[in-house]
Amino acid sequence: MRLVNDQGKYLGIFSIDEAFKMAHDGGLDLIEISPKEIPPVVKIMDFGKFLYDQKKKDKDAKKKKQGLKVLRISLRVGKHDLDVRKKQTLKFIEEGHKVKIEMMLRGREMAHMDLAKKIMDDFIKNLGQEVKIEQPLARQGNKFNLLISK
């Protein structure tokens, strides 16, 4: 077995009995890291610490997992607000998230569907070429929805 100590330093190739003896002498455990390697790689370390590190890695992986972010734009949105939303959208896309852009029309705004479509189209054009439209602009009742990603 290839043996690695708890600091990650390669110690060499040892028999199973020698590896167990070295781990027992140090008051640590012998953990198999790469069973498919020839010879297999084992590490001398505390098993509780190993489990803690694994849980921490899994938690970080879940955080980085791709998610869905929702951005809302109104019909009366200002130019500066659109710029802020553009920066947010590009940041989310760079992080690997999908972004759902919503525009909700209320009351008399329902009469200006063409203006709402134009605002949404202009917003997408301002994002640039790096944006991929996953679901085209669709109307659902009084909402316009659009899903984009990288």
N, C-alpha and C. Protein backbone atom coordinates (compact mmCIF):
# COMPACT_ATOMS: atom_id res chain seq x y z
N MET A 1 0.85 -1.18 0.00
CA MET A 1 0.00 0.00 0.00
C MET A 1 0.89 1.23 0.00
N ARG A 2 0.45 2.25 -0.72
CA ARG A 2 1.15 3.54 -0.66
C ARG A 2 0.64 4.26 0.58
N LEU A 3 1.54 4.74 1.35
CA LEU A 3 1.18 5.33 2.63
C LEU A 3 1.46 6.83 2.64
N VAL A 4 0.47 7.58 3.13
CA VAL A 4 0.57 9.03 3.24
C VAL A 4 0.27 9.38 4.69
N ASN A 5 1.05 10.32 5.26
CA ASN A 5 0.77 10.69 6.65
C ASN A 5 -0.32 11.77 6.72
N ASP A 6 -0.67 12.19 7.94
CA ASP A 6 -1.78 13.13 8.11
C ASP A 6 -1.48 14.53 7.59
N GLN A 7 -0.23 14.87 7.33
CA GLN A 7 0.10 16.16 6.72
C GLN A 7 0.10 16.07 5.19
N GLY A 8 -0.12 14.88 4.63
CA GLY A 8 -0.16 14.72 3.19
C GLY A 8 1.19 14.34 2.60
N LYS A 9 2.18 14.01 3.45
CA LYS A 9 3.52 13.66 2.98
C LYS A 9 3.56 12.18 2.62
N TYR A 10 4.08 11.87 1.45
CA TYR A 10 4.20 10.49 0.97
C TYR A 10 5.30 9.78 1.75
N LEU A 11 4.96 8.63 2.36
CA LEU A 11 5.93 7.90 3.18
C LEU A 11 6.57 6.73 2.45
N GLY A 12 5.89 6.19 1.43
CA GLY A 12 6.43 5.06 0.69
C GLY A 12 5.42 3.93 0.58
N ILE A 13 5.92 2.78 0.11
CA ILE A 13 5.05 1.61 -0.06
C ILE A 13 5.34 0.64 1.09
N PHE A 14 4.28 0.24 1.79
CA PHE A 14 4.39 -0.64 2.95
C PHE A 14 3.36 -1.76 2.83
N SER A 15 3.57 -2.84 3.60
CA SER A 15 2.57 -3.90 3.67
C SER A 15 1.42 -3.43 4.57
N ILE A 16 0.32 -4.15 4.51
CA ILE A 16 -0.85 -3.78 5.31
C ILE A 16 -0.52 -3.83 6.81
N ASP A 17 0.19 -4.87 7.20
CA ASP A 17 0.53 -5.02 8.63
C ASP A 17 1.39 -3.87 9.12
N GLU A 18 2.39 -3.48 8.31
CA GLU A 18 3.26 -2.37 8.70
C GLU A 18 2.46 -1.06 8.80
N ALA A 19 1.56 -0.85 7.85
CA ALA A 19 0.75 0.37 7.84
C ALA A 19 -0.15 0.43 9.07
N PHE A 20 -0.79 -0.70 9.41
CA PHE A 20 -1.64 -0.74 10.60
C PHE A 20 -0.82 -0.49 11.86
N LYS A 21 0.37 -1.06 11.92
CA LYS A 21 1.22 -0.88 13.09
C LYS A 21 1.63 0.59 13.24
N MET A 22 2.00 1.24 12.13
CA MET A 22 2.39 2.65 12.17
C MET A 22 1.22 3.53 12.62
N ALA A 23 0.01 3.22 12.12
CA ALA A 23 -1.18 4.00 12.49
C ALA A 23 -1.49 3.78 13.98
N HIS A 24 -1.43 2.54 14.42
CA HIS A 24 -1.73 2.23 15.82
C HIS A 24 -0.73 2.88 16.77
N ASP A 25 0.54 2.88 16.39
CA ASP A 25 1.58 3.50 17.22
C ASP A 25 1.35 5.01 17.37
N GLY A 26 0.83 5.63 16.37
CA GLY A 26 0.56 7.07 16.43
C GLY A 26 -0.79 7.40 17.03
N GLY A 27 -1.59 6.37 17.36
CA GLY A 27 -2.92 6.60 17.93
C GLY A 27 -3.91 7.12 16.89
N LEU A 28 -3.65 6.79 15.61
CA LEU A 28 -4.51 7.27 14.52
C LEU A 28 -5.12 6.10 13.79
N ASP A 29 -5.89 6.39 12.78
CA ASP A 29 -6.57 5.37 11.99
C ASP A 29 -5.95 5.28 10.60
N LEU A 30 -6.18 4.16 9.93
CA LEU A 30 -5.71 3.96 8.56
C LEU A 30 -6.92 4.08 7.64
N ILE A 31 -6.90 5.06 6.75
CA ILE A 31 -8.05 5.34 5.89
C ILE A 31 -7.66 5.14 4.44
N GLU A 32 -8.47 4.36 3.73
CA GLU A 32 -8.20 4.10 2.31
C GLU A 32 -8.71 5.28 1.49
N ILE A 33 -7.80 5.93 0.77
CA ILE A 33 -8.13 7.12 0.00
C ILE A 33 -8.46 6.77 -1.45
N SER A 34 -7.60 6.00 -2.10
CA SER A 34 -7.80 5.62 -3.50
C SER A 34 -7.70 4.10 -3.65
N PRO A 35 -8.84 3.40 -3.55
CA PRO A 35 -8.79 1.94 -3.61
C PRO A 35 -8.49 1.39 -5.02
N LYS A 36 -8.75 2.19 -6.06
CA LYS A 36 -8.58 1.69 -7.44
C LYS A 36 -7.15 1.79 -7.93
N GLU A 37 -6.31 2.55 -7.21
CA GLU A 37 -4.90 2.67 -7.59
C GLU A 37 -4.20 1.34 -7.34
N ILE A 38 -3.11 1.13 -8.05
CA ILE A 38 -2.31 -0.07 -7.82
C ILE A 38 -0.93 0.39 -7.44
N PRO A 39 -0.44 0.16 -6.25
CA PRO A 39 -1.13 -0.31 -5.05
C PRO A 39 -2.05 0.79 -4.49
N PRO A 40 -3.04 0.37 -3.69
CA PRO A 40 -4.00 1.35 -3.14
C PRO A 40 -3.31 2.39 -2.24
N VAL A 41 -3.91 3.60 -2.19
CA VAL A 41 -3.37 4.68 -1.38
C VAL A 41 -4.14 4.74 -0.07
N VAL A 42 -3.40 4.71 1.05
CA VAL A 42 -4.01 4.83 2.37
C VAL A 42 -3.36 5.99 3.11
N LYS A 43 -4.12 6.57 4.04
CA LYS A 43 -3.64 7.73 4.77
C LYS A 43 -3.77 7.47 6.27
N ILE A 44 -2.75 7.86 6.99
CA ILE A 44 -2.78 7.74 8.45
C ILE A 44 -3.31 9.06 8.99
N MET A 45 -4.51 9.03 9.61
CA MET A 45 -5.09 10.23 10.20
C MET A 45 -6.23 9.85 11.12
N ASP A 46 -6.74 10.81 11.84
CA ASP A 46 -7.87 10.61 12.73
C ASP A 46 -9.14 10.49 11.89
N PHE A 47 -9.91 9.42 12.12
CA PHE A 47 -11.10 9.18 11.31
C PHE A 47 -12.16 10.26 11.53
N GLY A 48 -12.27 10.78 12.73
CA GLY A 48 -13.23 11.85 13.03
C GLY A 48 -12.91 13.10 12.23
N LYS A 49 -11.64 13.42 12.13
CA LYS A 49 -11.21 14.58 11.34
C LYS A 49 -11.51 14.35 9.86
N PHE A 50 -11.29 13.11 9.41
CA PHE A 50 -11.58 12.77 8.03
C PHE A 50 -13.07 12.97 7.71
N LEU A 51 -13.95 12.51 8.59
CA LEU A 51 -15.39 12.68 8.39
C LEU A 51 -15.77 14.16 8.39
N TYR A 52 -15.17 14.92 9.30
CA TYR A 52 -15.44 16.36 9.38
C TYR A 52 -15.05 17.04 8.07
N ASP A 53 -13.87 16.71 7.55
CA ASP A 53 -13.41 17.31 6.28
C ASP A 53 -14.33 16.92 5.12
N GLN A 54 -14.79 15.67 5.11
CA GLN A 54 -15.70 15.22 4.05
C GLN A 54 -17.02 15.99 4.09
N LYS A 55 -17.58 16.17 5.29
CA LYS A 55 -18.83 16.92 5.43
C LYS A 55 -18.66 18.36 4.98
N LYS A 56 -17.51 18.93 5.31
CA LYS A 56 -17.22 20.31 4.92
C LYS A 56 -17.13 20.43 3.39
N LYS A 57 -16.47 19.48 2.75
CA LYS A 57 -16.36 19.48 1.29
C LYS A 57 -17.74 19.32 0.64
N ASP A 58 -18.56 18.43 1.19
CA ASP A 58 -19.91 18.23 0.64
C ASP A 58 -20.75 19.49 0.77
N LYS A 59 -20.61 20.17 1.90
CA LYS A 59 -21.37 21.41 2.13
C LYS A 59 -20.94 22.49 1.14
N ASP A 60 -19.64 22.62 0.90
CA ASP A 60 -19.14 23.59 -0.07
C ASP A 60 -19.61 23.26 -1.48
N ALA A 61 -19.65 21.97 -1.80
CA ALA A 61 -20.10 21.55 -3.13
C ALA A 61 -21.58 21.90 -3.33
N LYS A 62 -22.38 21.75 -2.28
CA LYS A 62 -23.80 22.11 -2.38
C LYS A 62 -23.98 23.60 -2.60
N LYS A 63 -23.12 24.40 -1.96
CA LYS A 63 -23.21 25.85 -2.13
C LYS A 63 -22.92 26.24 -3.57
N LYS A 64 -21.95 25.57 -4.16
CA LYS A 64 -21.54 25.92 -5.50
C LYS A 64 -22.43 25.30 -6.57
N LYS A 65 -23.34 24.44 -6.15
CA LYS A 65 -24.23 23.78 -7.08
C LYS A 65 -25.08 24.81 -7.81
N GLN A 66 -25.34 24.52 -9.04
CA GLN A 66 -26.09 25.44 -9.88
C GLN A 66 -27.51 25.61 -9.34
N GLY A 67 -27.97 26.84 -9.28
CA GLY A 67 -29.31 27.12 -8.77
C GLY A 67 -30.04 28.07 -9.70
N LEU A 68 -31.20 28.50 -9.27
CA LEU A 68 -32.02 29.41 -10.05
C LEU A 68 -32.16 30.72 -9.27
N LYS A 69 -31.85 31.80 -9.92
CA LYS A 69 -32.02 33.13 -9.34
C LYS A 69 -33.13 33.83 -10.09
N VAL A 70 -33.94 34.59 -9.39
CA VAL A 70 -35.06 35.30 -9.99
C VAL A 70 -34.82 36.80 -9.87
N LEU A 71 -34.93 37.50 -10.99
CA LEU A 71 -34.79 38.95 -11.03
C LEU A 71 -36.09 39.53 -11.54
N ARG A 72 -36.60 40.51 -10.84
CA ARG A 72 -37.86 41.14 -11.25
C ARG A 72 -37.61 42.53 -11.81
N ILE A 73 -38.28 42.81 -12.89
CA ILE A 73 -38.20 44.12 -13.54
C ILE A 73 -39.64 44.62 -13.68
N SER A 74 -39.84 45.90 -13.45
CA SER A 74 -41.19 46.44 -13.64
C SER A 74 -41.24 47.20 -14.96
N LEU A 75 -42.42 47.54 -15.36
CA LEU A 75 -42.62 48.26 -16.61
C LEU A 75 -42.06 49.68 -16.50
N ARG A 76 -42.07 50.24 -15.31
CA ARG A 76 -41.62 51.62 -15.10
C ARG A 76 -40.18 51.68 -14.58
N VAL A 77 -39.37 50.69 -14.91
CA VAL A 77 -38.01 50.62 -14.40
C VAL A 77 -37.15 51.72 -15.02
N GLY A 78 -36.27 52.29 -14.19
CA GLY A 78 -35.39 53.35 -14.67
C GLY A 78 -34.12 52.78 -15.30
N LYS A 79 -33.40 53.65 -16.00
CA LYS A 79 -32.18 53.21 -16.70
C LYS A 79 -31.13 52.71 -15.71
N HIS A 80 -30.94 53.44 -14.62
CA HIS A 80 -29.95 53.03 -13.63
C HIS A 80 -30.32 51.68 -13.00
N ASP A 81 -31.60 51.49 -12.72
CA ASP A 81 -32.05 50.22 -12.15
C ASP A 81 -31.78 49.07 -13.11
N LEU A 82 -31.97 49.32 -14.40
CA LEU A 82 -31.68 48.28 -15.40
C LEU A 82 -30.19 47.95 -15.41
N ASP A 83 -29.34 48.96 -15.25
CA ASP A 83 -27.90 48.72 -15.22
C ASP A 83 -27.52 47.87 -14.00
N VAL A 84 -28.14 48.16 -12.86
CA VAL A 84 -27.87 47.38 -11.65
C VAL A 84 -28.32 45.93 -11.85
N ARG A 85 -29.50 45.74 -12.43
CA ARG A 85 -30.01 44.39 -12.67
C ARG A 85 -29.14 43.65 -13.69
N LYS A 86 -28.59 44.38 -14.65
CA LYS A 86 -27.70 43.77 -15.64
C LYS A 86 -26.45 43.23 -14.95
N LYS A 87 -25.87 44.04 -14.05
CA LYS A 87 -24.67 43.59 -13.33
C LYS A 87 -24.98 42.37 -12.46
N GLN A 88 -26.12 42.40 -11.79
CA GLN A 88 -26.52 41.26 -10.96
C GLN A 88 -26.68 40.01 -11.82
N THR A 89 -27.34 40.16 -12.94
CA THR A 89 -27.59 39.02 -13.83
C THR A 89 -26.28 38.43 -14.31
N LEU A 90 -25.36 39.27 -14.77
CA LEU A 90 -24.07 38.78 -15.25
C LEU A 90 -23.28 38.10 -14.15
N LYS A 91 -23.37 38.63 -12.92
CA LYS A 91 -22.68 38.01 -11.79
C LYS A 91 -23.25 36.62 -11.51
N PHE A 92 -24.57 36.51 -11.50
CA PHE A 92 -25.21 35.22 -11.25
C PHE A 92 -24.84 34.21 -12.33
N ILE A 93 -24.82 34.66 -13.57
CA ILE A 93 -24.50 33.75 -14.68
C ILE A 93 -23.05 33.29 -14.57
N GLU A 94 -22.14 34.19 -14.20
CA GLU A 94 -20.74 33.81 -14.05
C GLU A 94 -20.55 32.79 -12.93
N GLU A 95 -21.41 32.87 -11.89
CA GLU A 95 -21.34 31.91 -10.79
C GLU A 95 -21.94 30.57 -11.17
N GLY A 96 -22.55 30.48 -12.36
CA GLY A 96 -23.11 29.22 -12.82
C GLY A 96 -24.59 29.05 -12.58
N HIS A 97 -25.26 30.09 -12.13
CA HIS A 97 -26.69 30.01 -11.89
C HIS A 97 -27.48 30.28 -13.16
N LYS A 98 -28.69 29.76 -13.19
CA LYS A 98 -29.65 30.15 -14.22
C LYS A 98 -30.41 31.34 -13.66
N VAL A 99 -30.80 32.25 -14.54
CA VAL A 99 -31.49 33.46 -14.08
C VAL A 99 -32.85 33.53 -14.76
N LYS A 100 -33.89 33.66 -13.95
CA LYS A 100 -35.24 33.83 -14.46
C LYS A 100 -35.58 35.31 -14.31
N ILE A 101 -35.89 35.94 -15.42
CA ILE A 101 -36.22 37.36 -15.40
C ILE A 101 -37.74 37.47 -15.53
N GLU A 102 -38.34 38.17 -14.58
CA GLU A 102 -39.80 38.32 -14.54
C GLU A 102 -40.17 39.78 -14.68
N MET A 103 -41.27 40.01 -15.36
CA MET A 103 -41.87 41.34 -15.40
C MET A 103 -43.35 41.15 -15.13
N MET A 104 -43.82 41.72 -14.04
CA MET A 104 -45.23 41.61 -13.68
C MET A 104 -45.92 42.92 -14.04
N LEU A 105 -47.03 42.80 -14.75
CA LEU A 105 -47.82 43.96 -15.15
C LEU A 105 -49.05 44.05 -14.25
N ARG A 106 -49.33 45.25 -13.77
CA ARG A 106 -50.45 45.44 -12.86
C ARG A 106 -51.41 46.48 -13.41
N GLY A 107 -52.66 46.22 -13.23
CA GLY A 107 -53.71 47.19 -13.58
C GLY A 107 -53.64 47.67 -15.01
N ARG A 108 -53.47 48.96 -15.18
CA ARG A 108 -53.47 49.57 -16.51
C ARG A 108 -52.21 49.23 -17.32
N GLU A 109 -51.20 48.71 -16.65
CA GLU A 109 -49.99 48.31 -17.36
C GLU A 109 -50.27 47.18 -18.34
N MET A 110 -51.35 46.42 -18.11
CA MET A 110 -51.70 45.31 -18.99
C MET A 110 -51.97 45.79 -20.42
N ALA A 111 -52.32 47.05 -20.58
CA ALA A 111 -52.59 47.59 -21.91
C ALA A 111 -51.30 47.84 -22.69
N HIS A 112 -50.15 47.76 -22.03
CA HIS A 112 -48.87 48.07 -22.68
C HIS A 112 -47.99 46.82 -22.81
N MET A 113 -48.56 45.74 -23.33
CA MET A 113 -47.82 44.49 -23.51
C MET A 113 -46.64 44.68 -24.47
N ASP A 114 -46.85 45.46 -25.52
CA ASP A 114 -45.79 45.67 -26.50
C ASP A 114 -44.59 46.39 -25.87
N LEU A 115 -44.83 47.33 -24.99
CA LEU A 115 -43.75 48.04 -24.30
C LEU A 115 -43.00 47.09 -23.35
N ALA A 116 -43.73 46.21 -22.70
CA ALA A 116 -43.11 45.24 -21.80
C ALA A 116 -42.18 44.30 -22.57
N LYS A 117 -42.65 43.83 -23.73
CA LYS A 117 -41.81 42.95 -24.56
C LYS A 117 -40.56 43.67 -25.01
N LYS A 118 -40.71 44.95 -25.38
CA LYS A 118 -39.57 45.72 -25.86
C LYS A 118 -38.54 45.90 -24.74
N ILE A 119 -38.98 46.19 -23.53
CA ILE A 119 -38.07 46.36 -22.39
C ILE A 119 -37.32 45.05 -22.13
N MET A 120 -38.01 43.93 -22.14
CA MET A 120 -37.38 42.63 -21.90
C MET A 120 -36.37 42.31 -23.01
N ASP A 121 -36.74 42.55 -24.27
CA ASP A 121 -35.82 42.29 -25.39
C ASP A 121 -34.57 43.16 -25.31
N ASP A 122 -34.76 44.44 -24.98
CA ASP A 122 -33.61 45.35 -24.85
C ASP A 122 -32.69 44.91 -23.71
N PHE A 123 -33.28 44.45 -22.62
CA PHE A 123 -32.50 43.99 -21.48
C PHE A 123 -31.61 42.80 -21.88
N ILE A 124 -32.18 41.87 -22.63
CA ILE A 124 -31.43 40.69 -23.07
C ILE A 124 -30.32 41.09 -24.04
N LYS A 125 -30.62 42.03 -24.94
CA LYS A 125 -29.60 42.48 -25.89
C LYS A 125 -28.45 43.16 -25.17
N ASN A 126 -28.73 43.89 -24.10
CA ASN A 126 -27.68 44.58 -23.35
C ASN A 126 -26.78 43.63 -22.57
N LEU A 127 -27.25 42.41 -22.31
CA LEU A 127 -26.44 41.45 -21.57
C LEU A 127 -25.26 40.95 -22.39
N GLY A 128 -25.38 40.93 -23.69
CA GLY A 128 -24.27 40.52 -24.54
C GLY A 128 -24.46 39.13 -25.12
N GLN A 129 -23.41 38.69 -25.81
CA GLN A 129 -23.45 37.43 -26.53
C GLN A 129 -23.24 36.20 -25.63
N GLU A 130 -22.65 36.40 -24.45
CA GLU A 130 -22.33 35.26 -23.59
C GLU A 130 -23.57 34.63 -22.95
N VAL A 131 -24.72 35.24 -23.10
CA VAL A 131 -25.96 34.76 -22.48
C VAL A 131 -26.69 33.82 -23.44
N LYS A 132 -27.12 32.69 -22.90
CA LYS A 132 -27.88 31.71 -23.69
C LYS A 132 -29.32 31.71 -23.18
N ILE A 133 -30.27 31.88 -24.07
CA ILE A 133 -31.69 31.87 -23.68
C ILE A 133 -32.17 30.43 -23.63
N GLU A 134 -32.54 29.97 -22.43
CA GLU A 134 -33.02 28.60 -22.26
C GLU A 134 -34.52 28.49 -22.52
N GLN A 135 -35.28 29.47 -22.05
CA GLN A 135 -36.72 29.54 -22.34
C GLN A 135 -37.00 30.92 -22.90
N PRO A 136 -37.54 30.98 -24.09
CA PRO A 136 -37.80 32.30 -24.68
C PRO A 136 -38.87 33.06 -23.89
N LEU A 137 -39.00 34.33 -24.22
CA LEU A 137 -39.97 35.19 -23.56
C LEU A 137 -41.37 34.61 -23.69
N ALA A 138 -42.01 34.39 -22.56
CA ALA A 138 -43.34 33.80 -22.55
C ALA A 138 -44.23 34.59 -21.60
N ARG A 139 -45.50 34.66 -21.94
CA ARG A 139 -46.47 35.37 -21.10
C ARG A 139 -47.30 34.34 -20.35
N GLN A 140 -47.42 34.57 -19.04
CA GLN A 140 -48.27 33.73 -18.20
C GLN A 140 -49.16 34.64 -17.40
N GLY A 141 -50.34 34.86 -17.86
CA GLY A 141 -51.27 35.77 -17.19
C GLY A 141 -50.76 37.19 -17.27
N ASN A 142 -50.47 37.79 -16.13
CA ASN A 142 -49.99 39.16 -16.13
C ASN A 142 -48.46 39.23 -15.97
N LYS A 143 -47.76 38.12 -16.22
CA LYS A 143 -46.31 38.07 -16.10
C LYS A 143 -45.65 37.73 -17.43
N PHE A 144 -44.46 38.28 -17.63
CA PHE A 144 -43.58 37.84 -18.70
C PHE A 144 -42.40 37.16 -18.05
N ASN A 145 -42.03 35.98 -18.54
CA ASN A 145 -40.92 35.21 -17.99
C ASN A 145 -39.90 34.90 -19.06
N LEU A 146 -38.66 34.81 -18.64
CA LEU A 146 -37.56 34.50 -19.54
C LEU A 146 -36.49 33.80 -18.71
N LEU A 147 -35.93 32.69 -19.20
CA LEU A 147 -34.90 31.97 -18.47
C LEU A 147 -33.61 31.99 -19.28
N ILE A 148 -32.51 32.45 -18.63
CA ILE A 148 -31.24 32.52 -19.32
C ILE A 148 -30.16 31.82 -18.50
N SER A 149 -29.09 31.45 -19.17
CA SER A 149 -27.93 30.84 -18.51
C SER A 149 -26.69 31.17 -19.33
N LYS A 150 -25.57 30.59 -18.93
CA LYS A 150 -24.31 30.86 -19.63
C LYS A 150 -24.16 29.94 -20.79
